[in-house]
Protein backbone atom coordinates (compact mmCIF):
# COMPACT_ATOMS: atom_id res chain seq x y z
CA MET A 1 -11.37 -121.56 81.09
CA PRO A 2 -11.21 -125.12 79.57
CA PHE A 3 -12.31 -125.92 75.99
CA GLN A 4 -16.10 -126.62 75.87
CA GLU A 5 -16.52 -128.38 72.53
CA LYS A 6 -16.10 -132.19 72.44
CA ILE A 7 -13.62 -133.50 69.86
CA PRO A 8 -15.23 -135.81 67.21
CA GLU A 9 -13.44 -139.06 67.98
CA TRP A 10 -12.47 -141.28 65.00
CA ASN A 11 -10.12 -144.22 65.59
CA ALA A 12 -10.19 -146.02 62.24
CA GLU A 13 -6.76 -145.15 60.75
CA GLY A 14 -7.57 -145.97 57.10
CA VAL A 15 -5.01 -145.72 54.23
CA GLU A 16 -3.22 -142.55 53.12
CA PRO A 17 -4.06 -141.60 49.48
CA PRO A 18 -1.12 -141.42 47.05
CA ALA A 19 0.56 -138.08 46.31
CA SER A 20 -0.95 -137.99 42.81
CA LYS A 21 -4.47 -138.16 44.27
CA LYS A 22 -3.62 -135.46 46.82
CA ALA A 23 -2.40 -133.23 43.99
CA ALA A 24 -5.32 -133.86 41.62
CA GLY A 25 -8.15 -134.06 44.23
CA TRP A 26 -11.51 -135.77 43.79
CA GLN A 27 -13.08 -135.41 40.39
CA ALA A 28 -16.77 -134.85 39.68
CA GLY A 29 -18.71 -138.13 39.97
CA GLU A 30 -15.84 -139.96 41.68
CA LYS A 31 -16.62 -141.90 44.92
CA PRO A 32 -13.79 -141.76 47.52
CA PRO A 33 -12.70 -145.20 48.85
CA ALA A 34 -13.62 -145.84 52.52
CA ASP A 35 -9.96 -146.30 53.58
CA TYR A 36 -9.04 -142.89 52.13
CA TRP A 37 -11.98 -141.26 53.94
CA ASN A 38 -11.12 -143.03 57.27
CA TRP A 39 -7.51 -141.79 56.93
CA GLN A 40 -8.65 -138.17 56.59
CA MET A 41 -11.15 -138.36 59.53
CA HIS A 42 -8.63 -140.06 61.83
CA ARG A 43 -5.92 -137.46 61.10
CA THR A 44 -8.35 -134.59 61.71
CA TYR A 45 -9.40 -136.09 65.07
CA ARG A 46 -5.78 -136.49 66.26
CA ALA A 47 -4.83 -132.91 65.22
CA LEU A 48 -7.75 -131.41 67.17
CA ARG A 49 -6.96 -133.53 70.23
CA GLU A 50 -3.32 -132.41 70.20
CA LEU A 51 -4.41 -128.75 69.94
CA GLN A 52 -6.70 -129.00 73.02
CA GLU A 53 -4.08 -130.84 75.06
CA LYS A 54 -1.22 -128.42 74.42
CA ALA A 55 -2.90 -124.99 74.06
CA LEU A 56 -3.59 -122.52 76.91
CA HIS A 57 -6.75 -120.44 77.05
CA LYS A 58 -6.22 -116.65 77.34
CA ASP A 59 -8.19 -116.63 80.63
CA ASP A 60 -5.67 -119.03 82.16
CA VAL A 61 -2.58 -116.87 81.38
CA THR A 62 -1.17 -114.04 83.62
CA ALA A 63 1.87 -111.81 83.18
CA SER A 64 3.75 -113.99 85.66
CA ASP A 65 3.16 -117.00 83.38
CA ILE A 66 5.04 -115.38 80.43
CA PRO A 67 8.81 -115.92 80.62
CA THR A 68 11.43 -113.44 79.39
CA ALA A 69 14.80 -114.00 77.74
CA ASN A 70 16.74 -113.40 80.96
CA GLY A 71 14.84 -116.15 82.89
CA SER A 72 12.43 -113.84 84.63
CA ASP A 73 8.76 -113.21 83.76
CA ILE A 74 6.76 -110.26 82.42
CA GLN A 75 5.19 -109.38 85.78
CA SER A 76 8.58 -109.24 87.51
CA GLU A 77 9.95 -107.07 84.76
CA ILE A 78 7.01 -104.65 85.07
CA GLU A 79 7.62 -104.34 88.81
CA ASN A 80 11.32 -103.76 88.24
CA LEU A 81 10.50 -101.05 85.65
CA LYS A 82 8.16 -99.26 88.05
CA SER A 83 10.84 -99.28 90.73
CA SER A 84 13.47 -98.02 88.27
CA VAL A 85 11.22 -95.18 87.07
CA SER A 86 10.45 -94.18 90.67
CA ASP A 87 14.13 -94.16 91.59
CA GLY A 88 14.97 -92.22 88.43
CA LYS A 89 12.32 -89.57 89.13
CA ALA A 90 13.72 -89.12 92.65
CA GLN A 91 17.23 -88.57 91.26
CA ILE A 92 15.98 -86.13 88.58
CA ALA A 93 13.91 -84.23 91.16
CA ALA A 94 16.94 -83.94 93.44
CA ALA A 95 19.12 -82.69 90.58
CA ILE A 96 16.56 -80.04 89.53
CA THR A 97 16.18 -78.94 93.15
CA ASP A 98 19.98 -78.62 93.43
CA LYS A 99 19.84 -76.20 90.45
CA GLY A 100 17.51 -73.90 92.41
CA VAL A 101 14.07 -75.06 91.23
CA PRO A 102 12.32 -77.15 93.99
CA THR A 103 10.93 -80.39 92.52
CA SER A 104 9.23 -83.40 94.18
CA PRO A 105 9.82 -87.02 93.14
CA THR A 106 6.03 -87.35 92.80
CA ASP A 107 5.79 -84.54 90.25
CA SER A 108 4.77 -85.53 86.76
CA PHE A 109 7.33 -85.72 83.96
CA ALA A 110 5.72 -82.65 82.39
CA THR A 111 6.29 -80.68 85.62
CA MET A 112 9.86 -81.86 85.84
CA ALA A 113 10.46 -80.82 82.17
CA ALA A 114 9.06 -77.35 82.88
CA ASN A 115 11.27 -77.06 85.99
CA ILE A 116 14.31 -78.01 83.92
CA GLU A 117 13.48 -75.25 81.43
CA ALA A 118 13.33 -72.82 84.39
CA ILE A 119 16.90 -73.57 85.52
CA PRO A 120 19.02 -70.46 84.91
CA VAL A 121 22.14 -71.43 82.83
CA GLY A 122 25.20 -69.83 81.22
CA PRO A 123 26.84 -66.45 81.54
CA ASP A 124 25.50 -63.10 80.43
CA THR A 125 25.49 -63.15 76.62
CA SER A 126 24.09 -59.70 75.98
CA ASP A 127 27.34 -58.52 74.32
CA ALA A 128 27.82 -61.65 72.11
CA THR A 129 28.39 -60.89 68.38
CA ALA A 130 29.13 -64.37 66.94
CA THR A 131 26.84 -65.78 64.25
CA ALA A 132 26.40 -69.29 62.88
CA ALA A 133 28.85 -68.49 60.06
CA ASP A 134 31.56 -67.78 62.65
CA ILE A 135 31.22 -71.24 64.22
CA LEU A 136 32.59 -74.49 62.78
CA ALA A 137 29.95 -76.58 61.03
CA GLY A 138 28.32 -79.07 63.37
CA LYS A 139 29.37 -77.24 66.53
CA VAL A 140 26.77 -75.66 68.85
CA ALA A 141 27.22 -72.36 70.73
CA TYR A 142 25.02 -69.67 72.28
CA GLY A 143 25.01 -66.06 71.31
CA ALA A 144 23.22 -62.90 72.39
CA GLY A 145 20.03 -63.57 74.34
CA ASP A 146 21.07 -67.19 74.87
CA GLN A 147 20.25 -67.86 71.21
CA ARG A 148 21.35 -71.35 70.25
CA LEU A 149 23.68 -71.26 67.28
CA VAL A 150 24.58 -74.25 65.09
CA GLY A 151 27.79 -73.50 63.21
CA THR A 152 27.85 -73.33 59.41
CA MET A 153 31.53 -72.54 58.80
CA PRO A 154 32.90 -75.27 56.45
CA ASN A 155 35.63 -77.45 57.89
CA ARG A 156 38.22 -77.47 55.06
CA GLY A 157 40.77 -79.51 56.95
CA ALA A 158 44.11 -79.65 55.11
CA VAL A 159 43.63 -77.68 51.88
CA ASN A 160 46.27 -78.39 49.23
CA ILE A 161 46.50 -76.08 46.21
CA THR A 162 48.17 -76.98 42.94
CA PRO A 163 49.09 -73.92 40.87
CA GLY A 164 47.37 -73.74 37.49
CA PRO A 165 47.08 -71.43 34.52
CA SER A 166 44.40 -69.32 36.22
CA PRO A 167 44.09 -67.71 39.69
CA GLN A 168 42.48 -70.05 42.23
CA SER A 169 40.27 -68.80 45.04
CA ILE A 170 41.07 -69.85 48.59
CA PRO A 171 37.84 -71.39 49.86
CA ALA A 172 36.22 -69.73 52.89
CA GLY A 173 36.15 -71.82 56.05
CA TYR A 174 38.34 -73.41 58.67
CA HIS A 175 41.83 -74.57 57.63
CA ASN A 176 43.77 -76.78 59.99
CA GLY A 177 47.15 -75.39 58.93
CA SER A 178 48.60 -78.58 57.41
CA GLY A 179 47.63 -77.77 53.79
CA GLN A 180 50.19 -76.65 51.23
CA VAL A 181 50.57 -74.83 47.95
CA ALA A 182 52.44 -77.30 45.73
CA ALA A 183 55.96 -76.47 44.64
CA VAL A 184 56.34 -75.51 40.96
CA VAL A 185 59.10 -77.81 39.69
CA PHE A 186 60.13 -77.77 36.02
CA ASP A 187 63.10 -78.01 33.69
CA PRO A 188 64.28 -74.41 33.04
CA SER A 189 65.45 -75.50 29.58
CA LYS A 190 61.81 -76.04 28.65
CA VAL A 191 60.88 -72.44 29.51
CA LEU A 192 61.69 -69.52 27.18
CA GLU A 193 64.57 -67.39 28.28
CA GLY A 194 63.36 -64.11 29.79
CA THR A 195 60.39 -65.87 31.39
CA THR A 196 60.33 -66.52 35.15
CA ILE A 197 57.96 -69.04 36.73
CA ALA A 198 57.69 -69.31 40.51
CA GLY A 199 61.10 -67.67 40.90
CA THR A 200 62.91 -69.88 38.34
CA ALA A 201 64.13 -68.28 35.11
CA GLY A 202 63.79 -70.14 31.81
CA THR A 203 66.84 -70.95 29.68
CA MET A 204 65.24 -72.10 26.39
CA PRO A 205 66.81 -70.15 23.45
CA ASN A 206 64.43 -67.99 21.42
CA ARG A 207 65.01 -69.09 17.80
CA THR A 208 63.75 -66.18 15.72
CA GLY A 209 64.53 -65.69 12.04
CA HIS A 210 65.74 -68.48 9.74
CA VAL A 211 67.67 -71.11 11.74
CA THR A 212 70.00 -73.64 10.12
CA GLY A 213 69.03 -77.20 11.07
CA GLN A 214 71.47 -79.54 12.77
CA SER A 215 71.08 -82.39 10.26
CA ILE A 216 68.75 -83.97 7.72
CA SER A 217 67.43 -87.51 7.34
CA ARG A 218 64.92 -89.21 5.07
CA SER A 219 62.10 -91.66 5.58
CA GLY A 220 60.70 -92.81 2.25
CA THR A 221 59.64 -89.64 0.46
CA THR A 222 59.71 -87.57 3.66
CA LEU A 223 62.67 -85.24 4.30
CA ARG A 224 63.30 -84.57 7.98
CA ILE A 225 65.26 -81.55 9.22
CA ARG A 226 66.49 -81.72 12.81
CA PRO A 227 66.05 -78.25 14.38
CA GLN A 228 68.26 -76.53 16.90
CA PRO A 229 66.91 -76.78 20.48
CA GLY A 230 64.76 -73.82 21.45
CA TYR A 231 61.53 -71.96 20.88
CA TYR A 232 60.30 -71.13 17.37
CA PRO A 233 57.60 -68.44 16.96
CA GLY A 234 56.47 -70.02 13.68
CA ASP A 235 55.78 -66.74 11.86
CA ALA A 236 56.55 -66.01 8.21
CA ALA A 237 60.07 -64.82 9.08
CA ASN A 238 60.88 -67.98 11.05
CA SER A 239 62.00 -71.34 9.61
CA VAL A 240 64.40 -74.26 9.92
CA GLN A 241 66.56 -74.45 6.80
CA ILE A 242 69.18 -76.68 5.17
CA ASN A 243 71.15 -75.58 2.11
CA GLU A 244 71.26 -78.20 -0.67
CA PRO A 245 73.36 -76.93 -3.59
CA ASN A 246 72.17 -79.77 -5.86
CA LEU A 247 68.51 -78.73 -5.64
CA LEU A 248 68.53 -77.26 -9.15
CA PRO A 249 66.17 -77.66 -12.15
CA GLU A 250 68.90 -79.30 -14.25
CA ASN A 251 69.25 -82.06 -11.61
CA ILE A 252 65.54 -82.89 -11.55
CA ARG A 253 63.80 -84.92 -14.23
CA GLN A 254 61.61 -82.94 -16.58
CA GLY A 255 57.95 -83.16 -15.56
CA LYS A 256 58.81 -83.65 -11.87
CA SER A 257 58.96 -81.10 -9.06
CA ILE A 258 60.90 -81.41 -5.79
CA PHE A 259 60.09 -78.91 -3.04
CA GLY A 260 58.69 -76.50 -5.60
CA VAL A 261 61.64 -76.75 -8.00
CA SER A 262 60.45 -77.91 -11.45
CA GLY A 263 62.90 -80.16 -13.28
CA SER A 264 64.37 -79.50 -16.69
CA LEU A 265 66.52 -82.66 -17.01
CA VAL A 266 65.53 -84.82 -19.98
CA PRO A 267 66.27 -88.42 -18.94
CA GLY A 268 68.21 -90.80 -21.15
CA ALA A 269 67.32 -94.40 -21.80
CA SER A 270 68.24 -97.26 -19.50
CA ILE A 271 67.71 -100.95 -20.17
CA LYS A 272 65.64 -102.91 -17.65
CA ASN A 273 66.37 -106.39 -19.02
CA VAL A 274 67.10 -108.39 -22.17
CA GLN A 275 65.53 -111.79 -22.91
CA ARG A 276 66.97 -113.93 -25.70
CA GLY A 277 66.62 -117.35 -27.21
CA GLN A 278 66.49 -119.40 -30.43
CA THR A 279 63.48 -121.02 -32.04
CA ALA A 280 63.38 -123.64 -34.81
CA MET A 281 60.72 -122.62 -37.33
CA THR A 282 58.87 -125.87 -38.11
CA SER A 283 55.90 -123.82 -39.38
CA THR A 284 55.46 -120.40 -40.94
CA THR A 285 54.26 -118.91 -37.64
CA ARG A 286 55.38 -119.72 -34.14
CA THR A 287 54.84 -118.03 -30.78
CA VAL A 288 57.32 -117.92 -27.90
CA THR A 289 56.31 -117.33 -24.27
CA ILE A 290 58.52 -114.78 -22.52
CA SER A 291 58.61 -113.16 -19.09
CA PRO A 292 56.19 -110.19 -18.83
CA VAL A 293 57.44 -106.91 -20.33
CA ASP A 294 56.03 -103.43 -20.88
CA VAL A 295 55.17 -103.61 -24.62
CA ASN A 296 55.36 -99.80 -24.83
CA LYS A 297 58.98 -99.86 -23.70
CA SER A 298 60.21 -103.01 -25.52
CA PHE A 299 61.43 -103.93 -29.02
CA VAL A 300 62.37 -107.15 -30.84
CA LYS A 301 65.72 -107.82 -32.58
CA LEU A 302 66.04 -110.86 -34.90
CA SER A 303 68.61 -112.82 -36.92
CA ILE A 304 68.25 -116.07 -38.83
CA ASN A 305 70.32 -119.15 -39.59
CA SER A 306 69.04 -121.33 -42.43
CA SER A 307 70.27 -123.66 -45.14
CA ALA A 308 67.02 -123.20 -47.04
CA GLY A 309 68.40 -120.65 -49.45
CA ASN A 310 67.39 -117.07 -50.06
CA GLN A 311 63.70 -117.80 -49.54
CA SER A 312 64.16 -118.08 -45.78
CA SER A 313 66.40 -115.08 -45.34
CA HIS A 314 63.62 -112.82 -43.97
CA VAL A 315 61.74 -113.21 -40.66
CA LEU A 316 59.05 -110.95 -39.04
CA GLY A 317 58.88 -110.63 -35.26
CA LYS A 318 56.58 -108.68 -32.99
CA LEU A 319 55.18 -108.67 -29.44
CA ILE A 320 51.48 -109.47 -29.56
CA ASP A 321 51.11 -109.04 -25.80
CA ALA A 322 53.25 -108.72 -22.64
CA THR A 323 54.26 -112.40 -22.58
CA THR A 324 54.06 -113.53 -26.24
CA LEU A 325 56.60 -113.08 -29.06
CA GLN A 326 55.30 -114.03 -32.53
CA LEU A 327 57.71 -115.10 -35.31
CA GLU A 328 56.81 -115.50 -39.03
CA VAL A 329 58.75 -116.90 -42.06
CA TYR A 330 57.72 -118.07 -45.50
CA SER A 331 59.94 -121.08 -45.45
CA GLN A 332 58.75 -124.14 -43.55
CA TYR A 333 62.11 -125.91 -43.51
CA GLN A 334 62.91 -127.38 -40.13
CA TYR A 335 66.50 -126.18 -40.47
CA THR A 336 65.43 -122.53 -40.23
CA THR A 337 66.48 -121.22 -36.78
CA VAL A 338 65.56 -117.75 -35.55
CA TYR A 339 67.73 -116.06 -32.93
CA TRP A 340 65.67 -113.46 -31.05
CA GLU A 341 66.19 -110.82 -28.40
CA VAL A 342 63.49 -108.86 -26.53
CA VAL A 343 64.94 -105.65 -25.08
CA GLU A 344 62.92 -103.81 -22.40
CA PHE A 345 63.84 -100.26 -21.33
CA GLU A 346 63.58 -98.97 -17.77
CA THR A 347 63.34 -95.39 -19.05
CA ILE A 348 63.06 -94.14 -22.63
CA LYS A 349 62.06 -90.80 -24.06
CA SER A 350 59.85 -92.39 -26.72
CA LEU A 351 59.28 -95.69 -28.48
CA GLN A 352 57.03 -95.77 -31.57
CA LYS A 353 56.13 -98.98 -33.42
CA GLY A 354 53.93 -100.21 -36.21
CA GLU A 355 53.40 -102.60 -39.11
CA THR A 356 53.53 -101.34 -42.73
CA ILE A 357 53.01 -103.24 -46.00
CA VAL A 358 54.84 -102.35 -49.22
CA SER A 359 53.05 -104.01 -52.15
CA GLY A 360 53.80 -103.23 -55.83
CA GLN A 361 55.80 -100.20 -54.73
CA ILE A 362 59.38 -99.37 -53.96
CA SER A 363 58.77 -97.48 -50.70
CA VAL A 364 56.08 -96.17 -48.33
CA SER A 365 56.31 -93.09 -46.11
CA VAL A 366 54.91 -93.41 -42.58
CA THR A 367 54.06 -90.35 -40.45
CA ILE A 368 55.36 -90.60 -36.90
CA SER A 369 55.39 -88.32 -33.85
CA SER A 370 58.23 -85.81 -33.96
CA VAL A 371 61.60 -87.07 -32.76
CA ASP A 372 65.08 -85.64 -32.41
CA THR A 373 66.77 -87.38 -35.34
CA THR A 374 70.16 -86.94 -33.67
CA LYS A 375 68.95 -89.10 -30.77
CA ALA A 376 66.69 -91.62 -32.55
CA PHE A 377 67.21 -94.81 -34.60
CA VAL A 378 65.15 -97.44 -36.45
CA ILE A 379 64.97 -101.20 -35.94
CA PHE A 380 62.82 -103.39 -38.19
CA SER A 381 62.08 -106.95 -39.27
CA ASP A 382 60.49 -107.87 -42.61
CA LEU A 383 58.80 -110.71 -44.43
CA ASP A 384 59.29 -110.76 -48.25
CA ASP A 385 57.17 -113.02 -50.47
CA LEU A 386 59.64 -113.02 -53.36
CA PRO A 387 61.94 -116.02 -53.57
CA SER A 388 64.99 -113.92 -54.37
CA HIS A 389 66.85 -112.27 -51.57
CA ARG A 390 66.34 -108.48 -51.39
CA SER A 391 67.95 -106.00 -49.03
CA ASN A 392 64.84 -104.24 -47.76
CA TYR A 393 65.35 -101.04 -45.79
CA ALA A 394 63.85 -98.54 -43.31
CA TYR A 395 65.19 -95.10 -42.36
CA LEU A 396 64.17 -91.73 -40.87
CA TYR A 397 63.53 -89.35 -43.72
CA SER A 398 62.74 -86.48 -41.34
CA ASN A 399 61.81 -85.93 -37.72
CA THR A 400 58.18 -86.90 -38.54
CA THR A 401 58.62 -89.32 -41.49
CA LEU A 402 59.77 -92.94 -41.56
CA VAL A 403 60.41 -94.55 -45.00
CA VAL A 404 60.27 -98.34 -45.49
CA GLY A 405 60.98 -99.93 -48.87
CA THR A 406 62.54 -102.55 -51.13
CA PRO A 407 65.19 -102.10 -53.86
CA SER A 408 62.83 -103.30 -56.58
CA GLY A 409 59.10 -103.25 -57.03
CA GLY A 410 56.90 -106.30 -57.19
CA GLY A 411 55.80 -108.68 -54.56
CA THR A 412 54.76 -107.77 -51.08
CA VAL A 413 56.95 -106.94 -48.09
CA ARG A 414 55.58 -106.67 -44.54
CA PHE A 415 57.62 -104.47 -42.22
CA TYR A 416 57.37 -104.36 -38.39
CA TRP A 417 59.34 -101.31 -37.28
CA TYR A 418 60.41 -99.45 -34.12
CA VAL A 419 61.55 -95.82 -33.87
CA ILE A 420 63.45 -95.42 -30.59
CA GLU A 421 64.41 -91.99 -29.25
CA PHE A 422 66.79 -91.47 -26.34
């Protein structure tokens, strides 16, 4: 049936609006230009005309008008299908009839299905005993009473077993015979003698008791004993030992312990370094910068060279910190030269020091920590304010008393002393 409605003809082409106007559209109160309106009407007219010219009405189309992919048409394909179904039914009917159940090609599919079900099949299965578990998974069989059985037995294929520390179950199911139990391969020397694994006897020696090590080595403070090859039970009666005849208390420093042996050796003194120099005394007090020392293990030794007479014959020296030596004289003559030595010990049993003033007296007693007087000595420097030269002195009166003094009273003498014990 043709289209009934007449297309509204409009031939004025007009002017196409810009893209911005198409996007924004007409705004309230805006009057569209005539050319824009003519463009829209003309395009609508042409689109409708093209639709009527090229479209087919459903009443004008038959199955023979619809083509198929193979160049035929729907109607031809329907006819071919009918013929194929008819031929197929005839073949199925003949096959069912051949199996002993008469069937006509004109019978319905339902009748043919029922006839197929009526075909007697298979042997007598009344004595069958197989169950689904006896049949490989995915396989179909028939048991007693023609019961259809779908197998559930797992198909294990090639099962490979690696021996482990515990018994391993062999999984139920079908095995194709190509699986293996892995060989147990090992170094017999790594297995204790008297032990057999998979038919191989171990050869590792059983090291019971106290076993002498092969050798010793040291890494820093760690002593390493190389054991004999073999197995060690590690109980209280089992050890790796090395005899060291020098591991005795008298060979270990007192206050230290090596492998449980407490030392009784009292160390002697050893000198770490000696710094020395000479300084011209252009003032009563001068300081000298030295390399850092441990002030608790260092002492100062002085001598003087001067043409200034007896007044400059005494000089006082002491360490005021780790890098500073301080020198003092009464004389300010530039010809006074002090020769100094700073001695630092590496080890020393004890070093006591102090400053003592003797004023209006002959001597002063100073209490010190107890020392072994047979292994201790005194070093001192002094500064005397009397112009005459005096032979000032310092000595150990007892193991806890130091005496410093001057041959005659009067004036003031400053002593800086050290008591050094080896």
